Amino acid sequence: GMSKEYPRILNGLMGLNGEAGECIDILKKHLYQGHAFDSEHMAKELGDVAWYLAIGYDLETIFQMNIDKLKARYPEGFSEQRANNRSEGDI
């Protein structure tokens, strides 16, 4: 059956993608439709992205997990060779 987490995660992912779409739309309007880049509007939409990221997760934990993953993947810093030849299970 469907876990209790599923609707909350689904709502979060849908919201996250919707807000990310609004961010790219601001940039699209600037790059291709002659609008001035609206940094205040972008900041507000990025705030919405962050809010959806936090649904059910502690942002500090998410960020630390990402830092740990990248340190393991690139112990001497980013390299294109390591990026293109990641070990199995490195997600």
C-alpha atoms as a PDB file:
ATOM      1  CA  GLY A   1       0.000   0.000   0.000  1.00  0.00           C
ATOM      2  CA  MET A   2       0.878   3.646  -0.206  1.00  0.00           C
ATOM      3  CA  SER A   3       2.962   4.847   2.721  1.00  0.00           C
ATOM      4  CA  LYS A   4       1.975   7.912   4.725  1.00  0.00           C
ATOM      5  CA  GLU A   5       5.113   9.606   3.408  1.00  0.00           C
ATOM      6  CA  TYR A   6       4.104   9.294  -0.251  1.00  0.00           C
ATOM      7  CA  PRO A   7       1.538  12.162  -0.480  1.00  0.00           C
ATOM      8  CA  ARG A   8       3.824  14.544   1.444  1.00  0.00           C
ATOM      9  CA  ILE A   9       6.858  13.709  -0.692  1.00  0.00           C
ATOM     10  CA  LEU A  10       4.780  13.896  -3.875  1.00  0.00           C
ATOM     11  CA  ASN A  11       3.464  17.327  -2.868  1.00  0.00           C
ATOM     12  CA  GLY A  12       6.998  18.453  -2.067  1.00  0.00           C
ATOM     13  CA  LEU A  13       8.449  17.240  -5.361  1.00  0.00           C
ATOM     14  CA  MET A  14       5.610  18.746  -7.376  1.00  0.00           C
ATOM     15  CA  GLY A  15       5.990  22.056  -5.541  1.00  0.00           C
ATOM     16  CA  LEU A  16       9.772  21.996  -5.932  1.00  0.00           C
ATOM     17  CA  ASN A  17       9.543  21.428  -9.675  1.00  0.00           C
ATOM     18  CA  GLY A  18       6.831  24.060 -10.061  1.00  0.00           C
ATOM     19  CA  GLU A  19       8.912  26.670  -8.261  1.00  0.00           C
ATOM     20  CA  ALA A  20      12.077  25.709 -10.170  1.00  0.00           C
ATOM     21  CA  GLY A  21      10.031  26.172 -13.348  1.00  0.00           C
ATOM     22  CA  GLU A  22       9.087  29.666 -12.217  1.00  0.00           C
ATOM     23  CA  CYS A  23      12.798  30.441 -11.683  1.00  0.00           C
ATOM     24  CA  ILE A  24      13.768  29.311 -15.176  1.00  0.00           C
ATOM     25  CA  ASP A  25      10.813  31.241 -16.610  1.00  0.00           C
ATOM     26  CA  ILE A  26      12.193  34.476 -15.102  1.00  0.00           C
ATOM     27  CA  LEU A  27      15.533  33.798 -16.796  1.00  0.00           C
ATOM     28  CA  LYS A  28      13.835  32.812 -20.091  1.00  0.00           C
ATOM     29  CA  LYS A  29      11.901  36.088 -20.143  1.00  0.00           C
ATOM     30  CA  HIS A  30      15.142  37.981 -19.579  1.00  0.00           C
ATOM     31  CA  LEU A  31      17.225  36.092 -22.147  1.00  0.00           C
ATOM     32  CA  TYR A  32      14.675  35.664 -24.936  1.00  0.00           C
ATOM     33  CA  GLN A  33      11.827  38.140 -24.426  1.00  0.00           C
ATOM     34  CA  GLY A  34      13.663  41.342 -23.568  1.00  0.00           C
ATOM     35  CA  HIS A  35      12.474  41.619 -19.959  1.00  0.00           C
ATOM     36  CA  ALA A  36      14.795  43.151 -17.368  1.00  0.00           C
ATOM     37  CA  PHE A  37      16.220  40.494 -15.051  1.00  0.00           C
ATOM     38  CA  ASP A  38      14.081  40.665 -11.916  1.00  0.00           C
ATOM     39  CA  SER A  39      16.472  39.632  -9.147  1.00  0.00           C
ATOM     40  CA  GLU A  40      13.918  40.330  -6.404  1.00  0.00           C
ATOM     41  CA  HIS A  41      11.346  38.054  -8.052  1.00  0.00           C
ATOM     42  CA  MET A  42      14.056  35.396  -8.543  1.00  0.00           C
ATOM     43  CA  ALA A  43      15.008  35.610  -4.859  1.00  0.00           C
ATOM     44  CA  LYS A  44      11.368  35.110  -3.837  1.00  0.00           C
ATOM     45  CA  GLU A  45      10.978  32.086  -6.123  1.00  0.00           C
ATOM     46  CA  LEU A  46      14.261  30.610  -4.814  1.00  0.00           C
ATOM     47  CA  GLY A  47      12.852  31.053  -1.319  1.00  0.00           C
ATOM     48  CA  ASP A  48       9.863  28.972  -2.420  1.00  0.00           C
ATOM     49  CA  VAL A  49      12.253  26.336  -3.811  1.00  0.00           C
ATOM     50  CA  ALA A  50      14.017  26.204  -0.430  1.00  0.00           C
ATOM     51  CA  TRP A  51      10.682  25.870   1.380  1.00  0.00           C
ATOM     52  CA  TYR A  52       9.710  22.842  -0.702  1.00  0.00           C
ATOM     53  CA  LEU A  53      13.192  21.347  -0.254  1.00  0.00           C
ATOM     54  CA  ALA A  54      12.671  21.452   3.497  1.00  0.00           C
ATOM     55  CA  ILE A  55       9.384  19.494   3.510  1.00  0.00           C
ATOM     56  CA  GLY A  56      10.067  16.555   5.774  1.00  0.00           C
ATOM     57  CA  TYR A  57      13.823  17.033   5.726  1.00  0.00           C
ATOM     58  CA  ASP A  58      16.293  18.997   7.787  1.00  0.00           C
ATOM     59  CA  LEU A  59      18.174  21.253   5.358  1.00  0.00           C
ATOM     60  CA  GLU A  60      21.402  21.057   7.378  1.00  0.00           C
ATOM     61  CA  THR A  61      21.298  17.255   7.069  1.00  0.00           C
ATOM     62  CA  ILE A  62      20.627  17.435   3.314  1.00  0.00           C
ATOM     63  CA  PHE A  63      23.493  19.889   2.792  1.00  0.00           C
ATOM     64  CA  GLN A  64      25.914  17.855   4.927  1.00  0.00           C
ATOM     65  CA  MET A  65      25.015  14.650   3.053  1.00  0.00           C
ATOM     66  CA  ASN A  66      25.733  16.448  -0.224  1.00  0.00           C
ATOM     67  CA  ILE A  67      29.077  17.788   1.043  1.00  0.00           C
ATOM     68  CA  ASP A  68      30.055  14.306   2.257  1.00  0.00           C
ATOM     69  CA  LYS A  69      29.075  12.772  -1.110  1.00  0.00           C
ATOM     70  CA  LEU A  70      31.093  15.324  -3.089  1.00  0.00           C
ATOM     71  CA  LYS A  71      34.137  14.994  -0.794  1.00  0.00           C
ATOM     72  CA  ALA A  72      34.083  11.214  -1.330  1.00  0.00           C
ATOM     73  CA  ARG A  73      33.629  11.619  -5.097  1.00  0.00           C
ATOM     74  CA  TYR A  74      36.259  14.360  -5.538  1.00  0.00           C
ATOM     75  CA  PRO A  75      38.797  14.069  -2.695  1.00  0.00           C
ATOM     76  CA  GLU A  76      41.239  16.385  -4.492  1.00  0.00           C
ATOM     77  CA  GLY A  77      38.510  18.680  -5.853  1.00  0.00           C
ATOM     78  CA  PHE A  78      36.381  18.406  -8.989  1.00  0.00           C
ATOM     79  CA  SER A  79      37.857  16.595 -11.966  1.00  0.00           C
ATOM     80  CA  GLU A  80      36.125  15.921 -15.272  1.00  0.00           C
ATOM     81  CA  GLN A  81      37.713  12.453 -15.397  1.00  0.00           C
ATOM     82  CA  ARG A  82      36.238  11.490 -12.019  1.00  0.00           C
ATOM     83  CA  ALA A  83      32.881  13.031 -12.961  1.00  0.00           C
ATOM     84  CA  ASN A  84      32.681  10.851 -16.075  1.00  0.00           C
ATOM     85  CA  ASN A  85      33.897   7.653 -14.381  1.00  0.00           C
ATOM     86  CA  ARG A  86      31.931   7.419 -11.155  1.00  0.00           C
ATOM     87  CA  SER A  87      31.878   4.174  -9.201  1.00  0.00           C
ATOM     88  CA  GLU A  88      28.778   2.009  -9.175  1.00  0.00           C
ATOM     89  CA  GLY A  89      26.281   3.168  -6.598  1.00  0.00           C
ATOM     90  CA  ASP A  90      27.610   6.767  -6.576  1.00  0.00           C
ATOM     91  CA  ILE A  91      24.411   8.784  -6.930  1.00  0.00           C
END
